């Protein structure tokens, strides 16, 4: 029997979220339920209060993500769950150890030689000594740009504490990293699943109103509400990566990291073939026209694929179930 953890309600999407994003970014437990039910695999949906009792089942799958209200809950029960389910659990211990901790991730990326050079600062005094014009400051915690700001003017140096106060985790900002700003038109986002690697390049914004708007000028808009496949000034914001845009060292490194963590899925954010961060929880990539080049992990070769939107929406959750041996490649949701 599979225990499916019910997503924390804090990850719910607003009514303003485009339909395509709602499908791609739907609750994980709903996707797991649909696949398991369609394959006649027994499951039970549980929540945090259930883990105070004796644990049951053979497998556990659940969204343990970065939101503070959720992280406080899953950090208290993770060890108990892993002691019971072991490697029949997603996330497993190694992936969970690195998730939402950019300092730890940096040490692993450095081992593979694909890190963005960084200085780690443990408190405000250390940060003020290391921040300079042209640097990006990132808390070790937080997803996306929630806890990041960019200093590009001299007057910004006098307001570092204010920028920290605008971060979602301002009360727990340290340790943080200081990195040189990398000027490039696109950021690559590369995903590795149980059997393939694929990716996109996402056009970056330029010209921010203030340091906390970096790297995307979302304003009050939630990131999930942004439509990334529309034409903007005759530019498509997301483009599928072609084989020549996959760096061979990066490919080998992310395959090595996946093996080391023994996890089904990872997404890597990459600038200039250096990895900014990685995560086992991510919003599914929006591939242009649902056509993309796939690097097959078995044959070590590229192939062009066309998938339906619905199949793509379940790509991440089904990869988890395949990795754990709950479903195989022939079973469908």
C-alpha atoms as a PDB file:
ATOM      1  CA  UNK A   1       0.000   0.000   0.000  1.00  0.00           C
ATOM      2  CA  UNK A   2       1.165   3.522  -0.833  1.00  0.00           C
ATOM      3  CA  UNK A   3       0.822   6.338   1.688  1.00  0.00           C
ATOM      4  CA  UNK A   4       0.169   9.598  -0.167  1.00  0.00           C
ATOM      5  CA  UNK A   5       0.877  12.755   1.817  1.00  0.00           C
ATOM      6  CA  UNK A   6      -1.739  15.466   1.318  1.00  0.00           C
ATOM      7  CA  UNK A   7      -0.188  18.727   0.089  1.00  0.00           C
ATOM      8  CA  UNK A   8      -0.244  21.615   2.526  1.00  0.00           C
ATOM      9  CA  UNK A   9      -2.966  24.046   1.512  1.00  0.00           C
ATOM     10  CA  UNK A  10      -0.414  26.868   1.382  1.00  0.00           C
ATOM     11  CA  UNK A  11       0.642  25.567  -2.044  1.00  0.00           C
ATOM     12  CA  UNK A  12      -2.804  26.123  -3.520  1.00  0.00           C
ATOM     13  CA  UNK A  13      -3.055  28.272  -6.643  1.00  0.00           C
ATOM     14  CA  UNK A  14      -5.151  31.408  -6.975  1.00  0.00           C
ATOM     15  CA  UNK A  15      -8.051  31.926  -9.361  1.00  0.00           C
ATOM     16  CA  UNK A  16      -5.753  34.157 -11.431  1.00  0.00           C
ATOM     17  CA  UNK A  17      -3.492  31.232 -12.309  1.00  0.00           C
ATOM     18  CA  UNK A  18      -3.715  30.405 -16.044  1.00  0.00           C
ATOM     19  CA  UNK A  19      -5.392  27.088 -16.828  1.00  0.00           C
ATOM     20  CA  UNK A  20      -2.210  25.624 -18.293  1.00  0.00           C
ATOM     21  CA  UNK A  21      -0.309  26.427 -15.099  1.00  0.00           C
ATOM     22  CA  UNK A  22      -3.052  25.002 -12.889  1.00  0.00           C
ATOM     23  CA  UNK A  23      -2.733  21.682 -14.673  1.00  0.00           C
ATOM     24  CA  UNK A  24       1.051  21.600 -14.533  1.00  0.00           C
ATOM     25  CA  UNK A  25       1.297  22.858 -10.937  1.00  0.00           C
ATOM     26  CA  UNK A  26      -1.629  21.002  -9.397  1.00  0.00           C
ATOM     27  CA  UNK A  27      -1.309  19.413  -5.942  1.00  0.00           C
ATOM     28  CA  UNK A  28       1.056  16.444  -5.989  1.00  0.00           C
ATOM     29  CA  UNK A  29      -1.290  14.242  -3.961  1.00  0.00           C
ATOM     30  CA  UNK A  30      -4.044  14.638  -6.557  1.00  0.00           C
ATOM     31  CA  UNK A  31      -1.714  13.475  -9.324  1.00  0.00           C
ATOM     32  CA  UNK A  32      -0.453  10.529  -7.275  1.00  0.00           C
ATOM     33  CA  UNK A  33      -4.027   9.545  -6.439  1.00  0.00           C
ATOM     34  CA  UNK A  34      -5.140   9.608 -10.067  1.00  0.00           C
ATOM     35  CA  UNK A  35      -2.240   7.457 -11.268  1.00  0.00           C
ATOM     36  CA  UNK A  36      -2.542   4.939  -8.433  1.00  0.00           C
ATOM     37  CA  UNK A  37      -6.313   4.660  -8.816  1.00  0.00           C
ATOM     38  CA  UNK A  38      -6.109   4.167 -12.579  1.00  0.00           C
ATOM     39  CA  UNK A  39      -3.628   1.311 -12.028  1.00  0.00           C
ATOM     40  CA  UNK A  40      -5.642  -0.316  -9.209  1.00  0.00           C
ATOM     41  CA  UNK A  41      -2.822   0.219  -6.717  1.00  0.00           C
ATOM     42  CA  UNK A  42      -4.043   0.568  -3.111  1.00  0.00           C
ATOM     43  CA  UNK A  43      -3.277   3.864  -1.402  1.00  0.00           C
ATOM     44  CA  UNK A  44      -4.297   5.994   1.571  1.00  0.00           C
ATOM     45  CA  UNK A  45      -4.070   9.792   1.777  1.00  0.00           C
ATOM     46  CA  UNK A  46      -2.630  11.009   5.083  1.00  0.00           C
ATOM     47  CA  UNK A  47      -1.602  14.288   6.706  1.00  0.00           C
ATOM     48  CA  UNK A  48       0.758  15.389   9.458  1.00  0.00           C
ATOM     49  CA  UNK A  49      -1.526  14.516  12.362  1.00  0.00           C
ATOM     50  CA  UNK A  50      -1.614  10.902  11.136  1.00  0.00           C
ATOM     51  CA  UNK A  51       2.135  10.486  11.598  1.00  0.00           C
ATOM     52  CA  UNK A  52       1.829  10.733  15.362  1.00  0.00           C
ATOM     53  CA  UNK A  53       0.271   7.252  15.262  1.00  0.00           C
ATOM     54  CA  UNK A  54       1.892   3.951  14.269  1.00  0.00           C
ATOM     55  CA  UNK A  55       2.980   4.129  10.649  1.00  0.00           C
ATOM     56  CA  UNK A  56       1.528   1.791   8.022  1.00  0.00           C
ATOM     57  CA  UNK A  57       1.987   0.984   4.346  1.00  0.00           C
ATOM     58  CA  UNK A  58       4.884  -0.035   2.136  1.00  0.00           C
ATOM     59  CA  UNK A  59       5.689   3.229   0.348  1.00  0.00           C
ATOM     60  CA  UNK A  60       5.428   6.947   1.126  1.00  0.00           C
ATOM     61  CA  UNK A  61       5.228   9.816  -1.381  1.00  0.00           C
ATOM     62  CA  UNK A  62       4.722  13.421  -0.412  1.00  0.00           C
ATOM     63  CA  UNK A  63       5.405  17.036  -1.177  1.00  0.00           C
ATOM     64  CA  UNK A  64       7.749  18.317   1.536  1.00  0.00           C
ATOM     65  CA  UNK A  65       8.577  21.776   0.217  1.00  0.00           C
ATOM     66  CA  UNK A  66      10.017  25.134   1.274  1.00  0.00           C
ATOM     67  CA  UNK A  67       7.062  27.167   2.585  1.00  0.00           C
ATOM     68  CA  UNK A  68       7.866  28.070   6.198  1.00  0.00           C
ATOM     69  CA  UNK A  69       4.543  26.849   7.592  1.00  0.00           C
ATOM     70  CA  UNK A  70       5.002  23.506   5.825  1.00  0.00           C
ATOM     71  CA  UNK A  71       8.726  23.126   6.491  1.00  0.00           C
ATOM     72  CA  UNK A  72       8.156  23.517  10.221  1.00  0.00           C
ATOM     73  CA  UNK A  73       5.769  20.560  10.108  1.00  0.00           C
ATOM     74  CA  UNK A  74       7.641  18.135   7.854  1.00  0.00           C
ATOM     75  CA  UNK A  75      10.998  18.777   9.542  1.00  0.00           C
ATOM     76  CA  UNK A  76       9.520  17.410  12.776  1.00  0.00           C
ATOM     77  CA  UNK A  77       8.277  14.138  11.300  1.00  0.00           C
ATOM     78  CA  UNK A  78      10.747  13.380   8.508  1.00  0.00           C
ATOM     79  CA  UNK A  79      13.172  11.268  10.552  1.00  0.00           C
ATOM     80  CA  UNK A  80      10.380   9.090  11.905  1.00  0.00           C
ATOM     81  CA  UNK A  81       8.996   8.554   8.411  1.00  0.00           C
ATOM     82  CA  UNK A  82      12.387   7.746   6.907  1.00  0.00           C
ATOM     83  CA  UNK A  83      13.243   5.324   9.728  1.00  0.00           C
ATOM     84  CA  UNK A  84      10.090   3.399   8.784  1.00  0.00           C
ATOM     85  CA  UNK A  85       9.991   3.633   4.966  1.00  0.00           C
ATOM     86  CA  UNK A  86      13.697   4.082   4.157  1.00  0.00           C
ATOM     87  CA  UNK A  87      14.444   4.296   0.425  1.00  0.00           C
ATOM     88  CA  UNK A  88      10.829   3.385  -0.334  1.00  0.00           C
ATOM     89  CA  UNK A  89      10.035   6.997   0.514  1.00  0.00           C
ATOM     90  CA  UNK A  90      10.025  10.157  -1.580  1.00  0.00           C
ATOM     91  CA  UNK A  91      11.751  12.364  -0.727  1.00  0.00           C
ATOM     92  CA  UNK A  92      14.533  10.162   0.589  1.00  0.00           C
ATOM     93  CA  UNK A  93      17.011  11.304   3.220  1.00  0.00           C
ATOM     94  CA  UNK A  94      19.810  12.425   0.905  1.00  0.00           C
ATOM     95  CA  UNK A  95      17.571  14.559  -1.308  1.00  0.00           C
ATOM     96  CA  UNK A  96      15.831  16.022   1.733  1.00  0.00           C
ATOM     97  CA  UNK A  97      19.209  16.856   3.300  1.00  0.00           C
ATOM     98  CA  UNK A  98      20.178  19.097   0.384  1.00  0.00           C
ATOM     99  CA  UNK A  99      16.755  20.571  -0.331  1.00  0.00           C
ATOM    100  CA  UNK A 100      16.271  24.221   0.628  1.00  0.00           C
ATOM    101  CA  UNK A 101      19.912  24.574   1.686  1.00  0.00           C
ATOM    102  CA  UNK A 102      22.018  26.349  -0.920  1.00  0.00           C
ATOM    103  CA  UNK A 103      25.174  26.231   1.215  1.00  0.00           C
ATOM    104  CA  UNK A 104      25.045  22.434   1.373  1.00  0.00           C
ATOM    105  CA  UNK A 105      24.213  22.303  -2.321  1.00  0.00           C
ATOM    106  CA  UNK A 106      27.233  24.484  -3.090  1.00  0.00           C
ATOM    107  CA  UNK A 107      29.532  21.946  -1.416  1.00  0.00           C
ATOM    108  CA  UNK A 108      28.106  19.145  -3.572  1.00  0.00           C
ATOM    109  CA  UNK A 109      28.213  21.217  -6.775  1.00  0.00           C
ATOM    110  CA  UNK A 110      31.820  22.179  -6.005  1.00  0.00           C
ATOM    111  CA  UNK A 111      32.689  18.473  -5.818  1.00  0.00           C
ATOM    112  CA  UNK A 112      31.505  18.160  -9.426  1.00  0.00           C
ATOM    113  CA  UNK A 113      33.080  21.452 -10.545  1.00  0.00           C
ATOM    114  CA  UNK A 114      29.844  23.069 -11.737  1.00  0.00           C
ATOM    115  CA  UNK A 115      29.255  25.576  -8.906  1.00  0.00           C
ATOM    116  CA  UNK A 116      28.838  29.338  -9.236  1.00  0.00           C
ATOM    117  CA  UNK A 117      31.710  30.847  -7.185  1.00  0.00           C
ATOM    118  CA  UNK A 118      30.233  32.040  -3.878  1.00  0.00           C
ATOM    119  CA  UNK A 119      31.167  33.456  -0.505  1.00  0.00           C
ATOM    120  CA  UNK A 120      29.150  32.149   2.440  1.00  0.00           C
ATOM    121  CA  UNK A 121      28.251  34.698   5.127  1.00  0.00           C
ATOM    122  CA  UNK A 122      26.920  33.560   8.492  1.00  0.00           C
ATOM    123  CA  UNK A 123      25.673  36.900   9.810  1.00  0.00           C
ATOM    124  CA  UNK A 124      25.061  40.518   8.823  1.00  0.00           C
ATOM    125  CA  UNK A 125      28.587  41.677   9.689  1.00  0.00           C
ATOM    126  CA  UNK A 126      30.115  39.091   7.362  1.00  0.00           C
ATOM    127  CA  UNK A 127      27.649  40.012   4.623  1.00  0.00           C
ATOM    128  CA  UNK A 128      28.427  43.727   4.835  1.00  0.00           C
ATOM    129  CA  UNK A 129      32.136  42.936   4.504  1.00  0.00           C
ATOM    130  CA  UNK A 130      31.624  40.902   1.341  1.00  0.00           C
ATOM    131  CA  UNK A 131      28.751  42.548  -0.537  1.00  0.00           C
ATOM    132  CA  UNK A 132      29.881  44.841  -3.352  1.00  0.00           C
ATOM    133  CA  UNK A 133      28.296  46.490  -6.391  1.00  0.00           C
ATOM    134  CA  UNK A 134      27.461  43.796  -8.922  1.00  0.00           C
ATOM    135  CA  UNK A 135      26.748  40.980  -6.473  1.00  0.00           C
ATOM    136  CA  UNK A 136      23.682  38.814  -5.876  1.00  0.00           C
ATOM    137  CA  UNK A 137      22.788  37.891  -2.294  1.00  0.00           C
ATOM    138  CA  UNK A 138      20.839  34.683  -1.682  1.00  0.00           C
ATOM    139  CA  UNK A 139      19.686  33.197   1.585  1.00  0.00           C
ATOM    140  CA  UNK A 140      20.538  29.515   1.867  1.00  0.00           C
ATOM    141  CA  UNK A 141      16.793  28.954   2.315  1.00  0.00           C
ATOM    142  CA  UNK A 142      13.914  29.709  -0.013  1.00  0.00           C
ATOM    143  CA  UNK A 143      12.762  28.884  -3.533  1.00  0.00           C
ATOM    144  CA  UNK A 144      13.092  30.993  -6.636  1.00  0.00           C
ATOM    145  CA  UNK A 145      13.611  34.685  -5.909  1.00  0.00           C
ATOM    146  CA  UNK A 146      11.772  34.719  -2.576  1.00  0.00           C
ATOM    147  CA  UNK A 147      14.983  35.338  -0.628  1.00  0.00           C
ATOM    148  CA  UNK A 148      17.304  36.924  -3.203  1.00  0.00           C
ATOM    149  CA  UNK A 149      18.315  40.477  -4.070  1.00  0.00           C
ATOM    150  CA  UNK A 150      20.790  42.130  -6.431  1.00  0.00           C
ATOM    151  CA  UNK A 151      23.032  45.112  -5.641  1.00  0.00           C
ATOM    152  CA  UNK A 152      23.863  47.154  -8.744  1.00  0.00           C
ATOM    153  CA  UNK A 153      24.119  50.695  -7.372  1.00  0.00           C
ATOM    154  CA  UNK A 154      26.313  52.242  -4.703  1.00  0.00           C
ATOM    155  CA  UNK A 155      23.290  53.450  -2.711  1.00  0.00           C
ATOM    156  CA  UNK A 156      22.064  49.858  -2.449  1.00  0.00           C
ATOM    157  CA  UNK A 157      24.999  49.096  -0.167  1.00  0.00           C
ATOM    158  CA  UNK A 158      23.467  51.344   2.501  1.00  0.00           C
ATOM    159  CA  UNK A 159      20.163  49.456   2.501  1.00  0.00           C
ATOM    160  CA  UNK A 160      21.162  45.801   2.728  1.00  0.00           C
ATOM    161  CA  UNK A 161      19.222  45.266   5.967  1.00  0.00           C
ATOM    162  CA  UNK A 162      16.087  46.696   4.358  1.00  0.00           C
ATOM    163  CA  UNK A 163      16.357  44.269   1.428  1.00  0.00           C
ATOM    164  CA  UNK A 164      16.731  41.369   3.842  1.00  0.00           C
ATOM    165  CA  UNK A 165      13.598  42.529   5.663  1.00  0.00           C
ATOM    166  CA  UNK A 166      11.628  42.211   2.406  1.00  0.00           C
ATOM    167  CA  UNK A 167      12.586  38.542   1.988  1.00  0.00           C
ATOM    168  CA  UNK A 168       9.993  35.965   3.009  1.00  0.00           C
ATOM    169  CA  UNK A 169      12.408  34.412   5.535  1.00  0.00           C
ATOM    170  CA  UNK A 170      13.844  37.663   6.886  1.00  0.00           C
ATOM    171  CA  UNK A 171      13.901  36.268  10.434  1.00  0.00           C
ATOM    172  CA  UNK A 172      16.051  33.329   9.329  1.00  0.00           C
ATOM    173  CA  UNK A 173      18.026  34.749   6.405  1.00  0.00           C
ATOM    174  CA  UNK A 174      21.487  33.527   7.374  1.00  0.00           C
ATOM    175  CA  UNK A 175      23.648  31.860   6.301  1.00  0.00           C
ATOM    176  CA  UNK A 176      23.578  33.433   2.859  1.00  0.00           C
ATOM    177  CA  UNK A 177      25.702  33.431  -0.264  1.00  0.00           C
ATOM    178  CA  UNK A 178      27.256  36.318  -2.175  1.00  0.00           C
ATOM    179  CA  UNK A 179      27.770  35.681  -5.894  1.00  0.00           C
ATOM    180  CA  UNK A 180      28.961  37.811  -8.781  1.00  0.00           C
ATOM    181  CA  UNK A 181      26.110  38.778 -11.106  1.00  0.00           C
ATOM    182  CA  UNK A 182      26.269  36.767 -14.335  1.00  0.00           C
ATOM    183  CA  UNK A 183      25.109  38.742 -17.355  1.00  0.00           C
ATOM    184  CA  UNK A 184      23.361  36.458 -19.830  1.00  0.00           C
ATOM    185  CA  UNK A 185      20.178  36.536 -21.897  1.00  0.00           C
ATOM    186  CA  UNK A 186      18.827  33.161 -20.851  1.00  0.00           C
ATOM    187  CA  UNK A 187      18.805  30.925 -17.801  1.00  0.00           C
ATOM    188  CA  UNK A 188      18.781  27.211 -18.507  1.00  0.00           C
ATOM    189  CA  UNK A 189      16.536  24.923 -16.499  1.00  0.00           C
ATOM    190  CA  UNK A 190      17.444  21.267 -16.908  1.00  0.00           C
ATOM    191  CA  UNK A 191      15.447  18.371 -15.483  1.00  0.00           C
ATOM    192  CA  UNK A 192      16.615  14.805 -14.952  1.00  0.00           C
ATOM    193  CA  UNK A 193      13.947  12.144 -14.318  1.00  0.00           C
ATOM    194  CA  UNK A 194      14.073   8.384 -13.865  1.00  0.00           C
ATOM    195  CA  UNK A 195      14.934   7.859 -17.546  1.00  0.00           C
ATOM    196  CA  UNK A 196      15.707  11.124 -19.370  1.00  0.00           C
ATOM    197  CA  UNK A 197      17.100  14.655 -19.313  1.00  0.00           C
ATOM    198  CA  UNK A 198      15.416  17.635 -20.964  1.00  0.00           C
ATOM    199  CA  UNK A 199      15.369  21.379 -20.514  1.00  0.00           C
ATOM    200  CA  UNK A 200      14.437  24.884 -21.515  1.00  0.00           C
ATOM    201  CA  UNK A 201      16.106  28.253 -21.676  1.00  0.00           C
ATOM    202  CA  UNK A 202      14.100  31.026 -20.043  1.00  0.00           C
ATOM    203  CA  UNK A 203      14.536  34.639 -21.098  1.00  0.00           C
ATOM    204  CA  UNK A 204      15.641  36.729 -18.132  1.00  0.00           C
ATOM    205  CA  UNK A 205      14.211  40.097 -17.209  1.00  0.00           C
ATOM    206  CA  UNK A 206      16.399  43.180 -17.216  1.00  0.00           C
ATOM    207  CA  UNK A 207      15.861  46.581 -15.617  1.00  0.00           C
ATOM    208  CA  UNK A 208      14.575  46.082 -12.088  1.00  0.00           C
ATOM    209  CA  UNK A 209      12.851  48.743 -10.025  1.00  0.00           C
ATOM    210  CA  UNK A 210      14.578  47.668  -6.815  1.00  0.00           C
ATOM    211  CA  UNK A 211      16.985  44.939  -5.654  1.00  0.00           C
ATOM    212  CA  UNK A 212      14.230  42.643  -4.365  1.00  0.00           C
ATOM    213  CA  UNK A 213      12.591  42.510  -7.827  1.00  0.00           C
ATOM    214  CA  UNK A 214      15.551  40.489  -9.112  1.00  0.00           C
ATOM    215  CA  UNK A 215      15.603  38.254 -11.113  1.00  0.00           C
ATOM    216  CA  UNK A 216      11.984  38.466 -12.324  1.00  0.00           C
ATOM    217  CA  UNK A 217       9.898  41.634 -12.262  1.00  0.00           C
ATOM    218  CA  UNK A 218       6.805  39.933 -10.872  1.00  0.00           C
ATOM    219  CA  UNK A 219       5.675  42.751  -8.588  1.00  0.00           C
ATOM    220  CA  UNK A 220       2.615  41.506  -6.691  1.00  0.00           C
ATOM    221  CA  UNK A 221       2.058  38.735  -9.228  1.00  0.00           C
ATOM    222  CA  UNK A 222       2.627  35.169  -8.012  1.00  0.00           C
ATOM    223  CA  UNK A 223       5.179  33.302 -10.130  1.00  0.00           C
ATOM    224  CA  UNK A 224       2.586  30.633 -10.983  1.00  0.00           C
ATOM    225  CA  UNK A 225       0.366  33.293 -12.567  1.00  0.00           C
ATOM    226  CA  UNK A 226       2.926  34.255 -15.189  1.00  0.00           C
ATOM    227  CA  UNK A 227       2.262  32.978 -18.718  1.00  0.00           C
ATOM    228  CA  UNK A 228       5.663  32.013 -20.077  1.00  0.00           C
ATOM    229  CA  UNK A 229       4.756  30.782 -23.561  1.00  0.00           C
ATOM    230  CA  UNK A 230       3.251  33.986 -24.859  1.00  0.00           C
ATOM    231  CA  UNK A 231       5.076  36.180 -27.350  1.00  0.00           C
ATOM    232  CA  UNK A 232       6.610  39.222 -25.681  1.00  0.00           C
ATOM    233  CA  UNK A 233       8.034  41.668 -28.185  1.00  0.00           C
ATOM    234  CA  UNK A 234       8.305  38.813 -30.708  1.00  0.00           C
ATOM    235  CA  UNK A 235      10.282  36.794 -28.142  1.00  0.00           C
ATOM    236  CA  UNK A 236       9.060  33.523 -26.642  1.00  0.00           C
ATOM    237  CA  UNK A 237      10.016  33.489 -22.969  1.00  0.00           C
ATOM    238  CA  UNK A 238      10.632  29.729 -22.889  1.00  0.00           C
ATOM    239  CA  UNK A 239      12.473  27.794 -25.588  1.00  0.00           C
ATOM    240  CA  UNK A 240      13.240  24.077 -25.565  1.00  0.00           C
ATOM    241  CA  UNK A 241      16.944  23.305 -25.443  1.00  0.00           C
ATOM    242  CA  UNK A 242      18.470  21.639 -28.490  1.00  0.00           C
ATOM    243  CA  UNK A 243      21.276  19.039 -28.168  1.00  0.00           C
ATOM    244  CA  UNK A 244      24.106  21.531 -28.785  1.00  0.00           C
ATOM    245  CA  UNK A 245      22.898  23.613 -25.830  1.00  0.00           C
ATOM    246  CA  UNK A 246      23.474  20.791 -23.331  1.00  0.00           C
ATOM    247  CA  UNK A 247      27.031  21.033 -21.990  1.00  0.00           C
ATOM    248  CA  UNK A 248      28.610  17.560 -21.755  1.00  0.00           C
ATOM    249  CA  UNK A 249      30.229  18.244 -18.361  1.00  0.00           C
ATOM    250  CA  UNK A 250      26.929  19.483 -16.950  1.00  0.00           C
ATOM    251  CA  UNK A 251      25.144  16.367 -18.270  1.00  0.00           C
ATOM    252  CA  UNK A 252      27.680  14.038 -16.662  1.00  0.00           C
ATOM    253  CA  UNK A 253      27.584  15.995 -13.412  1.00  0.00           C
ATOM    254  CA  UNK A 254      23.818  16.028 -12.985  1.00  0.00           C
ATOM    255  CA  UNK A 255      23.672  12.307 -13.745  1.00  0.00           C
ATOM    256  CA  UNK A 256      26.317  11.792 -11.064  1.00  0.00           C
ATOM    257  CA  UNK A 257      24.401  13.912  -8.543  1.00  0.00           C
ATOM    258  CA  UNK A 258      21.174  12.027  -9.248  1.00  0.00           C
ATOM    259  CA  UNK A 259      22.940   8.700  -8.659  1.00  0.00           C
ATOM    260  CA  UNK A 260      24.567   9.992  -5.485  1.00  0.00           C
ATOM    261  CA  UNK A 261      21.253  11.195  -4.052  1.00  0.00           C
ATOM    262  CA  UNK A 262      19.289   8.171  -5.353  1.00  0.00           C
ATOM    263  CA  UNK A 263      16.337  10.374  -6.174  1.00  0.00           C
ATOM    264  CA  UNK A 264      13.954  10.174  -9.166  1.00  0.00           C
ATOM    265  CA  UNK A 265      13.835  13.834 -10.225  1.00  0.00           C
ATOM    266  CA  UNK A 266      15.997  16.919  -9.967  1.00  0.00           C
ATOM    267  CA  UNK A 267      15.774  20.344 -11.604  1.00  0.00           C
ATOM    268  CA  UNK A 268      18.941  22.411 -12.054  1.00  0.00           C
ATOM    269  CA  UNK A 269      18.980  26.199 -12.588  1.00  0.00           C
ATOM    270  CA  UNK A 270      22.005  27.041 -14.720  1.00  0.00           C
ATOM    271  CA  UNK A 271      23.793  30.196 -15.891  1.00  0.00           C
ATOM    272  CA  UNK A 272      26.812  30.000 -18.175  1.00  0.00           C
ATOM    273  CA  UNK A 273      27.022  26.229 -17.552  1.00  0.00           C
ATOM    274  CA  UNK A 274      27.322  26.755 -13.795  1.00  0.00           C
ATOM    275  CA  UNK A 275      24.578  25.520 -11.462  1.00  0.00           C
ATOM    276  CA  UNK A 276      22.917  28.091  -9.220  1.00  0.00           C
ATOM    277  CA  UNK A 277      20.851  25.544  -7.281  1.00  0.00           C
ATOM    278  CA  UNK A 278      18.871  22.334  -7.652  1.00  0.00           C
ATOM    279  CA  UNK A 279      15.673  20.901  -6.214  1.00  0.00           C
ATOM    280  CA  UNK A 280      13.607  17.713  -6.138  1.00  0.00           C
ATOM    281  CA  UNK A 281      10.382  19.781  -5.975  1.00  0.00           C
ATOM    282  CA  UNK A 282       9.706  22.018  -8.969  1.00  0.00           C
ATOM    283  CA  UNK A 283       7.025  23.458 -11.166  1.00  0.00           C
ATOM    284  CA  UNK A 284       6.996  21.371 -14.328  1.00  0.00           C
ATOM    285  CA  UNK A 285       8.744  23.060 -17.239  1.00  0.00           C
ATOM    286  CA  UNK A 286       6.577  24.524 -19.965  1.00  0.00           C
ATOM    287  CA  UNK A 287       8.082  23.047 -23.103  1.00  0.00           C
ATOM    288  CA  UNK A 288       7.416  24.972 -26.326  1.00  0.00           C
ATOM    289  CA  UNK A 289       4.547  23.266 -28.188  1.00  0.00           C
ATOM    290  CA  UNK A 290       5.250  20.156 -26.031  1.00  0.00           C
ATOM    291  CA  UNK A 291       8.094  19.226 -28.378  1.00  0.00           C
ATOM    292  CA  UNK A 292      11.530  18.745 -26.912  1.00  0.00           C
ATOM    293  CA  UNK A 293      14.879  16.974 -27.181  1.00  0.00           C
ATOM    294  CA  UNK A 294      15.306  14.191 -24.664  1.00  0.00           C
ATOM    295  CA  UNK A 295      18.656  12.734 -23.558  1.00  0.00           C
ATOM    296  CA  UNK A 296      18.015   9.070 -22.842  1.00  0.00           C
ATOM    297  CA  UNK A 297      19.864   7.905 -19.721  1.00  0.00           C
ATOM    298  CA  UNK A 298      20.252   4.353 -21.045  1.00  0.00           C
ATOM    299  CA  UNK A 299      21.350   4.962 -24.633  1.00  0.00           C
ATOM    300  CA  UNK A 300      23.160   8.240 -23.778  1.00  0.00           C
ATOM    301  CA  UNK A 301      21.754   9.830 -26.925  1.00  0.00           C
ATOM    302  CA  UNK A 302      19.276  12.556 -27.876  1.00  0.00           C
ATOM    303  CA  UNK A 303      15.893  12.003 -29.452  1.00  0.00           C
ATOM    304  CA  UNK A 304      13.183  14.480 -30.382  1.00  0.00           C
ATOM    305  CA  UNK A 305       9.899  13.862 -28.589  1.00  0.00           C
ATOM    306  CA  UNK A 306       6.357  15.119 -28.863  1.00  0.00           C
ATOM    307  CA  UNK A 307       4.128  14.602 -25.827  1.00  0.00           C
ATOM    308  CA  UNK A 308       0.627  15.619 -24.915  1.00  0.00           C
ATOM    309  CA  UNK A 309       0.105  18.392 -22.424  1.00  0.00           C
ATOM    310  CA  UNK A 310      -1.656  15.971 -20.062  1.00  0.00           C
ATOM    311  CA  UNK A 311       1.232  13.496 -20.155  1.00  0.00           C
ATOM    312  CA  UNK A 312       3.681  16.275 -19.444  1.00  0.00           C
ATOM    313  CA  UNK A 313       1.672  17.401 -16.432  1.00  0.00           C
ATOM    314  CA  UNK A 314       2.209  13.947 -14.872  1.00  0.00           C
ATOM    315  CA  UNK A 315       5.838  13.536 -15.915  1.00  0.00           C
ATOM    316  CA  UNK A 316       7.305  14.395 -12.507  1.00  0.00           C
ATOM    317  CA  UNK A 317       4.880  12.465 -10.284  1.00  0.00           C
ATOM    318  CA  UNK A 318       4.975   9.358 -12.498  1.00  0.00           C
ATOM    319  CA  UNK A 319       8.773   9.430 -12.482  1.00  0.00           C
ATOM    320  CA  UNK A 320       8.625   9.194  -8.667  1.00  0.00           C
ATOM    321  CA  UNK A 321       6.319   6.167  -8.812  1.00  0.00           C
ATOM    322  CA  UNK A 322       8.515   4.471 -11.433  1.00  0.00           C
ATOM    323  CA  UNK A 323      11.679   5.112  -9.432  1.00  0.00           C
ATOM    324  CA  UNK A 324      10.142   3.453  -6.373  1.00  0.00           C
ATOM    325  CA  UNK A 325       8.934   0.489  -8.435  1.00  0.00           C
ATOM    326  CA  UNK A 326       5.262   1.220  -7.768  1.00  0.00           C
ATOM    327  CA  UNK A 327       4.450   1.477 -11.496  1.00  0.00           C
ATOM    328  CA  UNK A 328       6.476   0.537 -14.553  1.00  0.00           C
ATOM    329  CA  UNK A 329       7.001   2.286 -17.844  1.00  0.00           C
ATOM    330  CA  UNK A 330       4.011   0.644 -19.500  1.00  0.00           C
ATOM    331  CA  UNK A 331       1.455   1.668 -16.912  1.00  0.00           C
ATOM    332  CA  UNK A 332      -0.541   4.786 -17.597  1.00  0.00           C
ATOM    333  CA  UNK A 333      -2.360   7.245 -15.390  1.00  0.00           C
END
